[in-house]
Amino acid sequence: MSTYAVGFARPDRWSGSQPSQPSYPWHAVEAHRPPAELDGEVELAVCGAIVQVWGTQKWERVGIGRTGCPECARLTAAGRRLTRAS
């Protein structure tokens, strides 16, 4: 099982026009070291978005919420519950 950190996609602060707010600002970042060590770093999310790692969040919780990236959730299988075999 892979471990995932949580990344936050911020709108471009330097945009001359109105910055577009992302609909799904939370993304999964594959953690090749403890997520706490990635805190504050800019990383590539599972879906390809560039995000800043937010070490205080857990992807298992954020990924199933309304603001978690659906593509990251699909690729990491977040929110999928195992069913009992009959």
N, C-alpha and C. Protein backbone atom coordinates (compact mmCIF):
# COMPACT_ATOMS: atom_id res chain seq x y z
N MET A 1 0.84 -1.19 0.00
CA MET A 1 0.00 0.00 0.00
C MET A 1 0.88 1.25 0.00
N SER A 2 0.59 2.18 -0.87
CA SER A 2 1.35 3.42 -0.95
C SER A 2 0.90 4.41 0.11
N THR A 3 1.82 5.27 0.50
CA THR A 3 1.50 6.34 1.44
C THR A 3 1.39 7.64 0.64
N TYR A 4 0.38 8.44 0.98
CA TYR A 4 0.16 9.69 0.25
C TYR A 4 0.14 10.86 1.22
N ALA A 5 0.81 11.92 0.81
CA ALA A 5 0.74 13.19 1.52
C ALA A 5 -0.36 14.00 0.83
N VAL A 6 -0.72 15.12 1.41
CA VAL A 6 -1.76 15.98 0.84
C VAL A 6 -1.12 17.24 0.31
N GLY A 7 -1.45 17.60 -0.91
CA GLY A 7 -0.97 18.84 -1.50
C GLY A 7 -2.13 19.78 -1.75
N PHE A 8 -1.84 21.07 -1.67
CA PHE A 8 -2.86 22.10 -1.87
C PHE A 8 -2.49 22.92 -3.09
N ALA A 9 -3.41 23.03 -4.04
CA ALA A 9 -3.19 23.82 -5.25
C ALA A 9 -3.71 25.22 -5.01
N ARG A 10 -2.81 26.19 -4.99
CA ARG A 10 -3.21 27.58 -4.76
C ARG A 10 -3.35 28.31 -6.09
N PRO A 11 -4.32 29.21 -6.18
CA PRO A 11 -4.42 30.00 -7.42
C PRO A 11 -3.17 30.86 -7.58
N ASP A 12 -2.88 31.18 -8.80
CA ASP A 12 -1.70 32.00 -9.09
C ASP A 12 -1.86 33.38 -8.47
N ARG A 13 -0.99 33.71 -7.52
CA ARG A 13 -1.10 35.00 -6.83
C ARG A 13 -0.65 36.16 -7.71
N TRP A 14 0.10 35.87 -8.75
CA TRP A 14 0.66 36.95 -9.56
C TRP A 14 -0.14 37.20 -10.83
N SER A 15 -1.28 36.57 -10.97
CA SER A 15 -2.09 36.75 -12.16
C SER A 15 -2.66 38.17 -12.21
N GLY A 16 -2.57 38.81 -13.37
CA GLY A 16 -3.11 40.15 -13.53
C GLY A 16 -4.63 40.14 -13.58
N SER A 17 -5.20 39.06 -14.05
CA SER A 17 -6.66 38.94 -14.08
C SER A 17 -7.12 38.27 -12.79
N GLN A 18 -8.42 38.06 -12.70
CA GLN A 18 -8.93 37.38 -11.51
C GLN A 18 -8.38 35.96 -11.45
N PRO A 19 -7.77 35.57 -10.33
CA PRO A 19 -7.26 34.20 -10.24
C PRO A 19 -8.43 33.22 -10.20
N SER A 20 -8.27 32.13 -10.91
CA SER A 20 -9.33 31.12 -10.90
C SER A 20 -9.15 30.23 -9.68
N GLN A 21 -10.21 30.06 -8.93
CA GLN A 21 -10.17 29.20 -7.76
C GLN A 21 -10.35 27.76 -8.21
N PRO A 22 -9.45 26.86 -7.82
CA PRO A 22 -9.65 25.47 -8.21
C PRO A 22 -10.86 24.89 -7.48
N SER A 23 -11.64 24.08 -8.20
CA SER A 23 -12.80 23.45 -7.60
C SER A 23 -12.39 22.37 -6.61
N TYR A 24 -11.26 21.74 -6.89
CA TYR A 24 -10.76 20.65 -6.06
C TYR A 24 -9.33 20.97 -5.65
N PRO A 25 -9.14 21.79 -4.60
CA PRO A 25 -7.80 22.24 -4.27
C PRO A 25 -6.89 21.19 -3.61
N TRP A 26 -7.46 20.11 -3.07
CA TRP A 26 -6.65 19.10 -2.37
C TRP A 26 -6.29 17.95 -3.30
N HIS A 27 -5.01 17.58 -3.30
CA HIS A 27 -4.50 16.54 -4.19
C HIS A 27 -3.63 15.55 -3.41
N ALA A 28 -3.50 14.34 -3.96
CA ALA A 28 -2.63 13.31 -3.37
C ALA A 28 -1.23 13.44 -3.95
N VAL A 29 -0.24 13.32 -3.07
CA VAL A 29 1.17 13.36 -3.48
C VAL A 29 1.80 12.06 -2.98
N GLU A 30 2.42 11.30 -3.88
CA GLU A 30 3.06 10.06 -3.45
C GLU A 30 4.21 10.42 -2.52
N ALA A 31 4.20 9.81 -1.34
CA ALA A 31 5.22 10.11 -0.32
C ALA A 31 6.27 9.01 -0.32
N HIS A 32 7.45 9.35 -0.81
CA HIS A 32 8.56 8.39 -0.81
C HIS A 32 9.37 8.50 0.47
N ARG A 33 8.99 9.41 1.32
CA ARG A 33 9.56 9.58 2.66
C ARG A 33 8.42 10.03 3.55
N PRO A 34 8.57 10.10 4.86
CA PRO A 34 7.43 10.47 5.72
C PRO A 34 6.80 11.80 5.30
N PRO A 35 5.45 11.85 5.25
CA PRO A 35 4.76 13.08 4.82
C PRO A 35 5.19 14.32 5.60
N ALA A 36 5.54 14.17 6.87
CA ALA A 36 5.98 15.32 7.67
C ALA A 36 7.25 15.95 7.10
N GLU A 37 8.10 15.14 6.47
CA GLU A 37 9.33 15.66 5.86
C GLU A 37 9.05 16.43 4.58
N LEU A 38 7.89 16.19 3.97
CA LEU A 38 7.53 16.88 2.73
C LEU A 38 6.79 18.19 3.00
N ASP A 39 6.42 18.44 4.25
CA ASP A 39 5.60 19.60 4.60
C ASP A 39 6.19 20.89 4.05
N GLY A 40 5.39 21.61 3.27
CA GLY A 40 5.79 22.89 2.71
C GLY A 40 6.49 22.80 1.37
N GLU A 41 6.85 21.61 0.93
CA GLU A 41 7.55 21.45 -0.34
C GLU A 41 6.57 21.47 -1.52
N VAL A 42 7.04 21.91 -2.65
CA VAL A 42 6.25 21.91 -3.88
C VAL A 42 6.53 20.57 -4.57
N GLU A 43 5.45 19.85 -4.88
CA GLU A 43 5.57 18.51 -5.45
C GLU A 43 4.56 18.34 -6.58
N LEU A 44 4.71 17.25 -7.31
CA LEU A 44 3.78 16.89 -8.37
C LEU A 44 2.76 15.92 -7.79
N ALA A 45 1.49 16.26 -7.94
CA ALA A 45 0.41 15.40 -7.43
C ALA A 45 0.24 14.19 -8.33
N VAL A 46 -0.46 13.19 -7.84
CA VAL A 46 -0.72 11.96 -8.59
C VAL A 46 -1.40 12.27 -9.93
N CYS A 47 -2.27 13.27 -9.95
CA CYS A 47 -3.00 13.63 -11.18
C CYS A 47 -2.18 14.53 -12.11
N GLY A 48 -1.03 15.00 -11.68
CA GLY A 48 -0.18 15.86 -12.50
C GLY A 48 -0.20 17.33 -12.10
N ALA A 49 -1.02 17.72 -11.14
CA ALA A 49 -1.07 19.11 -10.69
C ALA A 49 0.16 19.43 -9.85
N ILE A 50 0.61 20.66 -9.93
CA ILE A 50 1.72 21.12 -9.08
C ILE A 50 1.11 21.70 -7.82
N VAL A 51 1.50 21.16 -6.66
CA VAL A 51 0.89 21.53 -5.39
C VAL A 51 1.94 21.74 -4.32
N GLN A 52 1.53 22.40 -3.25
CA GLN A 52 2.40 22.54 -2.08
C GLN A 52 1.89 21.57 -1.02
N VAL A 53 2.79 20.73 -0.50
CA VAL A 53 2.38 19.73 0.48
C VAL A 53 1.96 20.40 1.78
N TRP A 54 0.86 19.92 2.31
CA TRP A 54 0.28 20.41 3.55
C TRP A 54 0.33 19.25 4.52
N GLY A 55 1.41 19.16 5.29
CA GLY A 55 1.69 17.98 6.10
C GLY A 55 0.73 17.67 7.22
N THR A 56 -0.15 18.61 7.59
CA THR A 56 -1.06 18.35 8.69
C THR A 56 -2.32 17.62 8.26
N GLN A 57 -2.50 17.42 6.96
CA GLN A 57 -3.70 16.76 6.45
C GLN A 57 -3.39 15.30 6.10
N LYS A 58 -4.40 14.46 6.15
CA LYS A 58 -4.25 13.06 5.77
C LYS A 58 -5.10 12.80 4.52
N TRP A 59 -4.48 12.24 3.47
CA TRP A 59 -5.18 12.00 2.22
C TRP A 59 -6.36 11.05 2.41
N GLU A 60 -6.24 10.10 3.32
CA GLU A 60 -7.34 9.16 3.56
C GLU A 60 -8.61 9.90 3.97
N ARG A 61 -8.48 11.05 4.62
CA ARG A 61 -9.63 11.83 5.05
C ARG A 61 -10.03 12.87 4.00
N VAL A 62 -9.06 13.61 3.49
CA VAL A 62 -9.32 14.68 2.53
C VAL A 62 -9.79 14.13 1.18
N GLY A 63 -9.22 13.00 0.76
CA GLY A 63 -9.51 12.44 -0.56
C GLY A 63 -10.94 12.02 -0.78
N ILE A 64 -11.68 11.76 0.29
CA ILE A 64 -13.07 11.35 0.12
C ILE A 64 -14.03 12.52 0.27
N GLY A 65 -13.49 13.71 0.57
CA GLY A 65 -14.33 14.89 0.75
C GLY A 65 -14.70 15.55 -0.56
N ARG A 66 -15.51 16.60 -0.46
CA ARG A 66 -15.97 17.31 -1.66
C ARG A 66 -14.89 18.15 -2.31
N THR A 67 -13.81 18.48 -1.59
CA THR A 67 -12.77 19.33 -2.17
C THR A 67 -11.54 18.53 -2.59
N GLY A 68 -11.58 17.20 -2.44
CA GLY A 68 -10.49 16.36 -2.90
C GLY A 68 -10.57 16.16 -4.40
N CYS A 69 -9.44 16.15 -5.06
CA CYS A 69 -9.38 15.97 -6.51
C CYS A 69 -9.94 14.60 -6.89
N PRO A 70 -10.98 14.55 -7.75
CA PRO A 70 -11.56 13.26 -8.13
C PRO A 70 -10.58 12.35 -8.87
N GLU A 71 -9.69 12.94 -9.66
CA GLU A 71 -8.71 12.13 -10.39
C GLU A 71 -7.70 11.51 -9.42
N CYS A 72 -7.24 12.28 -8.44
CA CYS A 72 -6.34 11.73 -7.42
C CYS A 72 -7.04 10.63 -6.62
N ALA A 73 -8.31 10.85 -6.29
CA ALA A 73 -9.07 9.85 -5.54
C ALA A 73 -9.21 8.57 -6.35
N ARG A 74 -9.46 8.71 -7.64
CA ARG A 74 -9.60 7.54 -8.50
C ARG A 74 -8.27 6.78 -8.58
N LEU A 75 -7.19 7.51 -8.80
CA LEU A 75 -5.88 6.87 -8.96
C LEU A 75 -5.35 6.24 -7.68
N THR A 76 -5.76 6.76 -6.54
CA THR A 76 -5.28 6.22 -5.26
C THR A 76 -6.32 5.31 -4.61
N ALA A 77 -7.49 5.20 -5.23
CA ALA A 77 -8.59 4.40 -4.70
C ALA A 77 -9.05 4.90 -3.33
N ALA A 78 -8.96 6.20 -3.10
CA ALA A 78 -9.42 6.79 -1.84
C ALA A 78 -10.93 6.67 -1.76
N GLY A 79 -11.41 6.33 -0.59
CA GLY A 79 -12.84 6.27 -0.37
C GLY A 79 -13.48 4.96 -0.79
N ARG A 80 -12.71 4.08 -1.38
CA ARG A 80 -13.27 2.78 -1.77
C ARG A 80 -13.23 1.85 -0.57
N ARG A 81 -14.33 1.28 -0.28
CA ARG A 81 -14.41 0.33 0.84
C ARG A 81 -14.42 -1.08 0.28
N LEU A 82 -13.74 -1.94 0.96
CA LEU A 82 -13.75 -3.34 0.55
C LEU A 82 -15.07 -3.97 0.94
N THR A 83 -15.58 -4.81 0.09
CA THR A 83 -16.83 -5.51 0.39
C THR A 83 -16.50 -6.94 0.74
N ARG A 84 -17.38 -7.51 1.54
CA ARG A 84 -17.19 -8.92 1.94
C ARG A 84 -17.52 -9.84 0.79
N ALA A 85 -16.70 -10.83 0.61
CA ALA A 85 -16.99 -11.85 -0.41
C ALA A 85 -18.08 -12.77 0.11
N SER A 86 -18.97 -13.16 -0.75
CA SER A 86 -20.06 -14.04 -0.34
C SER A 86 -19.63 -15.47 -0.32
